[in-house]
Amino acid sequence: MSLSRLINRNIVAERGRTSMRLEPELWDMLAEICEREAHDMSTLVRQIEASGHAGGRTSAVRVFIVNYFHVAANETGHASAGHGTLMRRIAPELTRSAA
């Protein structure tokens, strides 16, 4: 049996104190969003809950994080991150034969 990477943290959500389990990377991203938007985590989670996502709280937070960074993504950012070169990095033999 493998160990879960999920980290459980307590937050104050719409209906009071509760816990939420996310991957460490998502907790880091959520903290970055809080810093950028000048909100504490509980306020941000309450706003996400109020948006009316059809899934549960954790699902709503995951979708919010993805959408937040997706909206901020642009061609300049993709180019500086090296995006678009994935196949050349993981399967160079495929890109050589396709050329």
Protein backbone atom coordinates (compact mmCIF):
# COMPACT_ATOMS: atom_id res chain seq x y z
CA MET A 1 0.00 0.00 0.00
CA SER A 2 1.43 3.39 -0.98
CA LEU A 3 1.40 6.39 1.29
CA SER A 4 -0.75 9.35 0.32
CA ARG A 5 0.98 12.59 -0.59
CA LEU A 6 -2.09 14.57 0.42
CA ILE A 7 -1.65 17.06 3.24
CA ASN A 8 -4.55 17.68 5.59
CA ARG A 9 -4.97 21.27 6.86
CA ASN A 10 -7.65 22.97 8.91
CA ILE A 11 -9.42 25.98 7.47
CA VAL A 12 -12.48 28.03 8.34
CA ALA A 13 -14.90 27.53 5.48
CA GLU A 14 -18.47 28.55 4.78
CA ARG A 15 -19.93 26.28 7.44
CA GLY A 16 -17.21 26.73 10.04
CA ARG A 17 -13.92 25.02 10.84
CA THR A 18 -13.14 22.03 8.64
CA SER A 19 -10.23 20.25 7.03
CA MET A 20 -9.17 19.92 3.45
CA ARG A 21 -6.68 17.51 1.83
CA LEU A 22 -4.58 18.69 -1.09
CA GLU A 23 -1.27 17.82 -2.69
CA PRO A 24 1.67 19.89 -1.34
CA GLU A 25 2.03 21.65 -4.70
CA LEU A 26 -1.61 22.76 -4.60
CA TRP A 27 -1.21 24.10 -1.05
CA ASP A 28 1.78 26.10 -2.32
CA MET A 29 -0.22 27.43 -5.26
CA LEU A 30 -3.14 28.34 -3.01
CA ALA A 31 -0.77 30.23 -0.70
CA GLU A 32 0.65 32.08 -3.72
CA ILE A 33 -2.86 33.06 -4.85
CA CYS A 34 -3.66 34.30 -1.33
CA GLU A 35 -0.53 36.44 -1.36
CA ARG A 36 -1.25 37.84 -4.84
CA GLU A 37 -4.88 38.59 -3.99
CA ALA A 38 -4.20 39.83 -0.43
CA HIS A 39 -6.64 37.35 1.15
CA ASP A 40 -6.18 34.87 3.92
CA MET A 41 -6.81 31.24 2.99
CA SER A 42 -10.13 30.95 4.81
CA THR A 43 -11.55 34.02 3.05
CA LEU A 44 -10.41 32.71 -0.32
CA VAL A 45 -11.90 29.25 0.30
CA ARG A 46 -15.21 30.80 1.37
CA GLN A 47 -15.27 32.85 -1.86
CA ILE A 48 -14.51 29.73 -3.89
CA GLU A 49 -17.33 27.84 -2.13
CA ALA A 50 -19.73 30.71 -2.79
CA SER A 51 -19.01 30.51 -6.54
CA GLY A 52 -21.33 27.50 -6.76
CA HIS A 53 -19.01 24.76 -8.09
CA ALA A 54 -21.04 21.57 -8.53
CA GLY A 55 -18.46 19.34 -6.78
CA GLY A 56 -17.31 19.40 -3.20
CA ARG A 57 -15.10 22.00 -1.55
CA THR A 58 -11.79 20.32 -2.38
CA SER A 59 -12.80 19.83 -6.00
CA ALA A 60 -13.86 23.47 -6.21
CA VAL A 61 -10.50 24.60 -4.82
CA ARG A 62 -8.56 22.41 -7.27
CA VAL A 63 -10.57 23.73 -10.23
CA PHE A 64 -10.15 27.31 -9.01
CA ILE A 65 -6.36 26.91 -8.77
CA VAL A 66 -6.13 25.48 -12.29
CA ASN A 67 -8.37 28.20 -13.72
CA TYR A 68 -6.49 30.97 -11.87
CA PHE A 69 -3.15 30.01 -13.39
CA HIS A 70 -4.64 29.09 -16.76
CA VAL A 71 -6.08 32.57 -17.17
CA ALA A 72 -2.67 34.04 -16.33
CA ALA A 73 -0.86 31.84 -18.86
CA ASN A 74 0.18 33.54 -22.07
CA GLU A 75 2.55 32.83 -24.94
CA THR A 76 5.44 34.74 -23.37
CA GLY A 77 5.10 32.80 -20.14
CA HIS A 78 4.86 29.48 -21.96
CA ALA A 79 7.95 30.28 -24.03
CA SER A 80 10.02 31.31 -20.99
CA ALA A 81 8.98 28.10 -19.18
CA GLY A 82 10.07 26.00 -22.16
CA HIS A 83 6.57 24.77 -22.91
CA GLY A 84 6.06 23.29 -26.35
CA THR A 85 9.28 21.31 -26.10
CA LEU A 86 7.86 18.42 -24.07
CA MET A 87 7.97 15.84 -26.86
CA ARG A 88 11.50 16.88 -27.82
CA ARG A 89 12.58 16.29 -24.21
CA ILE A 90 10.80 13.01 -23.45
CA ALA A 91 10.87 11.34 -26.88
CA PRO A 92 13.51 12.96 -29.11
CA GLU A 93 13.53 9.97 -31.47
CA LEU A 94 9.87 10.63 -32.35
CA THR A 95 10.48 14.27 -33.22
CA ARG A 96 13.52 13.43 -35.38
CA SER A 97 11.59 10.94 -37.49
CA ALA A 98 8.67 13.34 -37.90
CA ALA A 99 10.92 16.11 -39.24
